[in-house]
Amino acid sequence: MSHALSYGSEKESLLKSYIPISVNTEETPSDGEKKIRRFSCRLSDLASWENLWKAILGEFIGTFIMMYVGLGAILAQDELLYVALTWSLIMPVLISIFGKISQALFNPAITVVFWLLEDITLLQAIFSVFAQLLGSAAASALQLQLWPLDTRKPYYDGCTFNVPIGDKSGTQRGLINEVVTTCILVFLLLSLTHRGPTAELQHPQTLLVAMAVGATIFCMVMVGAPISGASLNPARSFGPSLVANYWDDHWVFWAGPIIGALLGMSIWYTFVRKVYITEEKKDS
């Protein structure tokens, strides 16, 4: 999940180096043109296959490491604090390493948000989601083989290998919890990584910002895990469900994070993005 770039020409050069999209330096596209571009795969998107595949490979490797470490913590320790610390400590490291390579998304819900904000192209978004799901499945399959069946404890989270959320009431509470926790995560993430009147993307490659993202994840896991496991990430739940062939309530961990991510983006745009726009108008 993540981000710290600079403004103006620096952003443009970095985008050209790391993200397979075209940057128009001559004209500013209209709103209609932006909508068309958002939903199209242009030939210019294929201009740098090397950078595109680097980004996709970065998403696969990063998601694999995240899932291997995170699932290992869940299986090794039946203690919420230990699990939350593990997830929150590994994420800043991955963000710092893969921020320039792939934007360190590792999450289909956040990938959708960054596509809607036009930080990545539709083509990169599609391939990134597949890479995230594949990385999660690979890490889950490996952990499934490493841990004997009798050591896999039941968890009420749907994020490990064999756990339903429960009855209808539990499913509703789980869905609400996933929406709210992911909403908070995305709102804080965008507030950290998209600043200024033009909402420039800033990758949290600096340790301070990456640690802030990790701290947010720690808080969301501590708050949300007792209710739904605090997946916050469809890829996190997909891998374990796939290798265990266990799909009860799995839809919750897709619908909840995606709805929450879109809601968090909307709140960020309304209460943070517009503040910068208003300040810019006052200054001008």
Protein backbone atom coordinates (compact mmCIF):
# COMPACT_ATOMS: atom_id res chain seq x y z
CA MET A 1 0.00 0.00 0.00
CA SER A 2 1.96 3.86 -0.67
CA HIS A 3 4.15 6.91 -1.65
CA ALA A 4 6.66 10.27 -1.71
CA LEU A 5 7.24 12.10 -4.97
CA SER A 6 7.84 15.74 -5.60
CA TYR A 7 5.95 18.26 -7.67
CA GLY A 8 5.99 19.58 -11.23
CA SER A 9 8.77 18.43 -13.51
CA GLU A 10 10.19 16.05 -10.92
CA LYS A 11 6.91 14.16 -10.75
CA GLU A 12 6.68 14.06 -14.52
CA SER A 13 10.17 12.60 -14.93
CA LEU A 14 9.61 10.03 -12.21
CA LEU A 15 6.29 9.01 -13.70
CA LYS A 16 7.98 8.49 -17.03
CA SER A 17 10.67 6.39 -15.37
CA TYR A 18 8.53 4.19 -13.16
CA ILE A 19 4.95 4.18 -14.41
CA PRO A 20 3.98 3.08 -17.92
CA ILE A 21 1.77 6.03 -18.78
CA SER A 22 2.16 8.96 -21.11
CA VAL A 23 2.50 12.47 -19.72
CA ASN A 24 1.15 15.30 -21.84
CA THR A 25 3.32 18.37 -21.32
CA GLU A 26 1.65 20.49 -23.96
CA GLU A 27 -2.06 20.43 -23.21
CA THR A 28 -4.23 19.87 -20.17
CA PRO A 29 -6.95 17.34 -21.04
CA SER A 30 -10.56 18.23 -20.44
CA ASP A 31 -12.73 16.38 -17.92
CA GLY A 32 -14.31 14.40 -20.74
CA GLU A 33 -10.93 13.37 -22.11
CA LYS A 34 -9.80 12.31 -18.64
CA LYS A 35 -12.84 10.03 -18.28
CA ILE A 36 -12.17 8.44 -21.67
CA ARG A 37 -8.51 7.89 -20.82
CA ARG A 38 -9.35 6.37 -17.46
CA PHE A 39 -11.43 3.61 -19.06
CA SER A 40 -9.19 2.95 -22.06
CA CYS A 41 -5.97 1.06 -22.68
CA ARG A 42 -3.97 3.31 -25.00
CA LEU A 43 -1.10 2.24 -27.20
CA SER A 44 1.05 4.67 -25.24
CA ASP A 45 0.43 2.51 -22.17
CA LEU A 46 2.49 -0.17 -23.87
CA ALA A 47 5.39 2.16 -24.62
CA SER A 48 7.49 0.78 -21.81
CA TRP A 49 6.89 -2.91 -21.30
CA GLU A 50 10.04 -3.17 -19.22
CA ASN A 51 8.78 -0.72 -16.62
CA LEU A 52 5.31 -2.26 -16.69
CA TRP A 53 6.61 -5.74 -15.96
CA LYS A 54 8.90 -4.39 -13.25
CA ALA A 55 5.84 -2.88 -11.58
CA ILE A 56 3.86 -6.12 -11.92
CA LEU A 57 6.74 -8.21 -10.59
CA GLY A 58 7.15 -5.74 -7.72
CA GLU A 59 3.49 -6.19 -6.79
CA PHE A 60 3.84 -9.97 -6.87
CA ILE A 61 7.00 -10.08 -4.77
CA GLY A 62 5.78 -7.46 -2.31
CA THR A 63 2.41 -9.16 -1.82
CA PHE A 64 4.11 -12.54 -1.43
CA ILE A 65 6.40 -11.22 1.32
CA MET A 66 3.54 -9.40 3.04
CA MET A 67 1.35 -12.50 3.06
CA TYR A 68 4.09 -14.94 4.03
CA VAL A 69 5.11 -12.83 7.02
CA GLY A 70 1.56 -11.88 8.00
CA LEU A 71 0.13 -15.39 7.78
CA GLY A 72 3.16 -16.77 9.58
CA ALA A 73 2.50 -14.43 12.47
CA ILE A 74 -1.16 -15.44 12.63
CA LEU A 75 -0.33 -19.15 12.59
CA ALA A 76 2.56 -18.88 15.02
CA GLN A 77 0.97 -16.72 17.70
CA ASP A 78 -2.59 -16.65 18.93
CA GLU A 79 -2.10 -13.10 20.19
CA LEU A 80 -3.57 -10.00 18.58
CA LEU A 81 -0.78 -7.61 19.60
CA TYR A 82 1.90 -9.85 18.09
CA VAL A 83 -0.02 -10.18 14.82
CA ALA A 84 -0.77 -6.45 14.56
CA LEU A 85 2.88 -5.56 15.21
CA THR A 86 4.07 -7.98 12.54
CA TRP A 87 1.77 -6.57 9.84
CA SER A 88 2.55 -2.96 10.77
CA LEU A 89 6.32 -3.51 10.85
CA ILE A 90 6.65 -5.35 7.54
CA MET A 91 4.58 -2.81 5.59
CA PRO A 92 6.90 0.23 5.98
CA VAL A 93 9.82 -1.90 4.81
CA LEU A 94 7.95 -3.10 1.72
CA ILE A 95 6.68 0.41 0.99
CA SER A 96 10.21 1.83 1.13
CA ILE A 97 11.55 -0.88 -1.17
CA PHE A 98 8.78 -1.12 -3.77
CA GLY A 99 7.42 2.45 -3.72
CA LYS A 100 9.41 3.52 -6.77
CA ILE A 101 9.04 0.23 -8.59
CA SER A 102 5.33 -0.50 -8.40
CA GLN A 103 3.87 2.14 -6.04
CA ALA A 104 3.71 -0.60 -3.37
CA LEU A 105 -0.04 -1.08 -3.60
CA PHE A 106 -0.34 -4.78 -2.62
CA ASN A 107 -4.11 -4.36 -2.34
CA PRO A 108 -6.79 -4.54 -5.09
CA ALA A 109 -8.99 -2.01 -3.28
CA ILE A 110 -6.19 0.56 -3.11
CA THR A 111 -5.25 -0.26 -6.70
CA VAL A 112 -8.77 0.73 -7.79
CA VAL A 113 -8.45 4.02 -5.92
CA PHE A 114 -5.11 4.86 -7.53
CA TRP A 115 -6.55 4.06 -10.95
CA LEU A 116 -9.52 6.35 -10.33
CA LEU A 117 -7.09 9.09 -9.30
CA GLU A 118 -5.19 8.42 -12.55
CA ASP A 119 -1.96 7.60 -10.75
CA ILE A 120 -1.82 4.34 -12.71
CA THR A 121 -3.32 3.27 -16.01
CA LEU A 122 -6.12 0.76 -16.45
CA LEU A 123 -3.64 -1.72 -17.91
CA GLN A 124 -1.30 -1.46 -14.94
CA ALA A 125 -4.22 -1.69 -12.52
CA ILE A 126 -5.52 -4.91 -14.10
CA PHE A 127 -2.11 -6.59 -14.17
CA SER A 128 -1.33 -5.38 -10.64
CA VAL A 129 -4.48 -6.96 -9.22
CA PHE A 130 -3.65 -10.30 -10.86
CA ALA A 131 -0.10 -10.08 -9.49
CA GLN A 132 -1.40 -9.34 -6.00
CA LEU A 133 -3.79 -12.29 -6.05
CA LEU A 134 -1.09 -14.61 -7.39
CA GLY A 135 1.42 -13.45 -4.77
CA SER A 136 -1.12 -14.00 -2.02
CA ALA A 137 -1.98 -17.47 -3.29
CA ALA A 138 1.68 -18.48 -3.57
CA ALA A 139 2.50 -17.35 -0.03
CA SER A 140 -0.62 -19.01 1.35
CA ALA A 141 0.16 -22.30 -0.39
CA LEU A 142 3.66 -22.30 1.06
CA GLN A 143 2.46 -21.57 4.59
CA LEU A 144 -0.24 -24.22 4.26
CA GLN A 145 2.46 -26.81 3.56
CA LEU A 146 4.76 -25.61 6.32
CA TRP A 147 2.19 -25.79 9.12
CA PRO A 148 0.75 -29.18 10.19
CA LEU A 149 -3.02 -29.39 10.18
CA ASP A 150 -3.32 -29.75 13.97
CA THR A 151 -1.42 -26.49 14.56
CA ARG A 152 -3.77 -24.39 12.44
CA LYS A 153 -6.01 -22.83 15.04
CA PRO A 154 -9.48 -21.57 14.16
CA TYR A 155 -9.64 -17.82 13.69
CA TYR A 156 -12.80 -15.76 13.49
CA ASP A 157 -11.50 -13.65 10.63
CA GLY A 158 -11.78 -15.34 7.25
CA CYS A 159 -8.21 -14.21 6.63
CA THR A 160 -6.53 -17.50 7.45
CA PHE A 161 -7.27 -20.97 6.13
CA ASN A 162 -10.59 -22.18 7.46
CA VAL A 163 -12.70 -19.64 9.28
CA PRO A 164 -16.21 -18.28 8.60
CA ILE A 165 -17.42 -15.02 10.03
CA GLY A 166 -20.38 -16.78 11.60
CA ASP A 167 -24.13 -16.23 11.52
CA LYS A 168 -26.02 -13.56 9.60
CA SER A 169 -25.47 -11.02 12.37
CA GLY A 170 -21.74 -11.76 12.33
CA THR A 171 -21.61 -11.33 8.56
CA GLN A 172 -23.29 -7.94 8.76
CA ARG A 173 -20.96 -6.77 11.51
CA GLY A 174 -17.99 -8.10 9.60
CA LEU A 175 -18.98 -6.23 6.45
CA ILE A 176 -19.50 -2.97 8.32
CA ASN A 177 -16.17 -3.39 10.10
CA GLU A 178 -14.30 -4.01 6.84
CA VAL A 179 -15.91 -0.96 5.25
CA VAL A 180 -15.10 1.34 8.17
CA THR A 181 -11.52 0.18 8.80
CA THR A 182 -10.60 0.26 5.10
CA CYS A 183 -12.24 3.67 4.76
CA ILE A 184 -10.07 5.04 7.56
CA LEU A 185 -6.95 3.44 6.10
CA VAL A 186 -7.50 4.87 2.60
CA PHE A 187 -8.46 8.31 3.91
CA LEU A 188 -5.27 8.57 5.97
CA LEU A 189 -3.19 7.05 3.17
CA LEU A 190 -4.37 9.58 0.59
CA SER A 191 -3.97 12.42 3.08
CA LEU A 192 -0.33 11.37 3.49
CA THR A 193 0.45 10.69 -0.16
CA HIS A 194 -1.64 13.17 -2.17
CA ARG A 195 -0.98 16.74 -1.15
CA GLY A 196 -1.19 20.16 -2.71
CA PRO A 197 -3.86 21.78 -4.90
CA THR A 198 -3.21 19.35 -7.74
CA ALA A 199 -3.20 16.30 -5.45
CA GLU A 200 0.28 15.29 -6.56
CA LEU A 201 1.19 11.69 -5.81
CA GLN A 202 3.90 11.36 -3.19
CA HIS A 203 5.21 7.85 -2.56
CA PRO A 204 6.01 7.21 1.11
CA GLN A 205 9.57 6.19 0.37
CA THR A 206 10.70 8.31 3.28
CA LEU A 207 10.85 6.27 6.45
CA LEU A 208 8.66 8.69 8.40
CA VAL A 209 5.70 8.51 6.01
CA ALA A 210 6.07 4.75 5.55
CA MET A 211 6.02 4.31 9.33
CA ALA A 212 2.87 6.43 9.51
CA VAL A 213 1.18 4.02 7.12
CA GLY A 214 2.40 1.10 9.24
CA ALA A 215 1.05 2.73 12.40
CA THR A 216 -2.33 3.15 10.72
CA ILE A 217 -2.39 -0.54 9.81
CA PHE A 218 -1.49 -1.45 13.39
CA CYS A 219 -4.41 0.56 14.75
CA MET A 220 -6.89 -0.86 12.23
CA VAL A 221 -5.84 -4.45 12.99
CA MET A 222 -6.09 -3.88 16.74
CA VAL A 223 -9.55 -2.36 16.37
CA GLY A 224 -10.98 -4.54 13.61
CA ALA A 225 -9.45 -7.97 14.10
CA PRO A 226 -11.76 -9.08 16.93
CA ILE A 227 -14.77 -8.44 14.69
CA SER A 228 -13.77 -9.53 11.19
CA GLY A 229 -10.04 -10.10 11.25
CA ALA A 230 -9.40 -6.66 9.73
CA SER A 231 -8.53 -7.97 6.29
CA LEU A 232 -8.60 -4.48 4.70
CA ASN A 233 -7.39 -6.20 1.55
CA PRO A 234 -9.15 -8.63 -0.83
CA ALA A 235 -5.80 -10.18 -1.78
CA ARG A 236 -5.05 -10.94 1.86
CA SER A 237 -8.21 -13.06 2.10
CA PHE A 238 -8.12 -14.51 -1.41
CA GLY A 239 -4.93 -16.55 -1.12
CA PRO A 240 -5.85 -18.50 2.02
CA SER A 241 -9.38 -19.11 0.75
CA LEU A 242 -8.07 -20.41 -2.57
CA VAL A 243 -5.50 -22.87 -1.23
CA ALA A 244 -7.89 -24.14 1.47
CA ASN A 245 -10.88 -24.11 -0.91
CA TYR A 246 -12.88 -22.35 1.78
CA TRP A 247 -15.19 -19.60 0.53
CA ASP A 248 -17.72 -19.04 3.31
CA ASP A 249 -18.36 -15.29 3.68
CA HIS A 250 -15.45 -14.61 1.32
CA TRP A 251 -17.45 -11.94 -0.50
CA VAL A 252 -17.30 -9.81 2.66
CA PHE A 253 -13.54 -9.39 2.21
CA TRP A 254 -14.02 -8.08 -1.32
CA ALA A 255 -17.10 -5.94 -0.91
CA GLY A 256 -16.06 -4.43 2.43
CA PRO A 257 -12.56 -3.19 1.48
CA ILE A 258 -13.59 -1.96 -1.98
CA ILE A 259 -16.61 -0.04 -0.67
CA GLY A 260 -14.52 1.29 2.21
CA ALA A 261 -11.71 2.36 -0.13
CA LEU A 262 -14.10 4.29 -2.38
CA LEU A 263 -15.73 5.89 0.64
CA GLY A 264 -12.35 6.86 2.08
CA MET A 265 -11.35 8.40 -1.25
CA SER A 266 -14.60 10.39 -1.34
CA ILE A 267 -14.09 11.71 2.19
CA TRP A 268 -10.48 12.63 1.39
CA TYR A 269 -11.56 14.49 -1.74
CA THR A 270 -14.29 16.38 0.11
CA PHE A 271 -12.45 17.36 3.27
CA VAL A 272 -8.76 17.40 2.33
CA ARG A 273 -8.39 17.84 -1.42
CA LYS A 274 -10.83 20.76 -1.56
CA VAL A 275 -9.01 22.52 1.28
CA TYR A 276 -5.90 22.73 -0.88
CA ILE A 277 -7.98 23.97 -3.81
CA THR A 278 -9.57 26.68 -1.65
CA GLU A 279 -6.18 27.77 -0.30
CA GLU A 280 -4.78 27.97 -3.81
CA LYS A 281 -7.65 30.20 -4.92
CA LYS A 282 -7.11 32.48 -1.93
CA ASP A 283 -3.39 32.76 -2.67
CA SER A 284 -4.06 33.58 -6.31
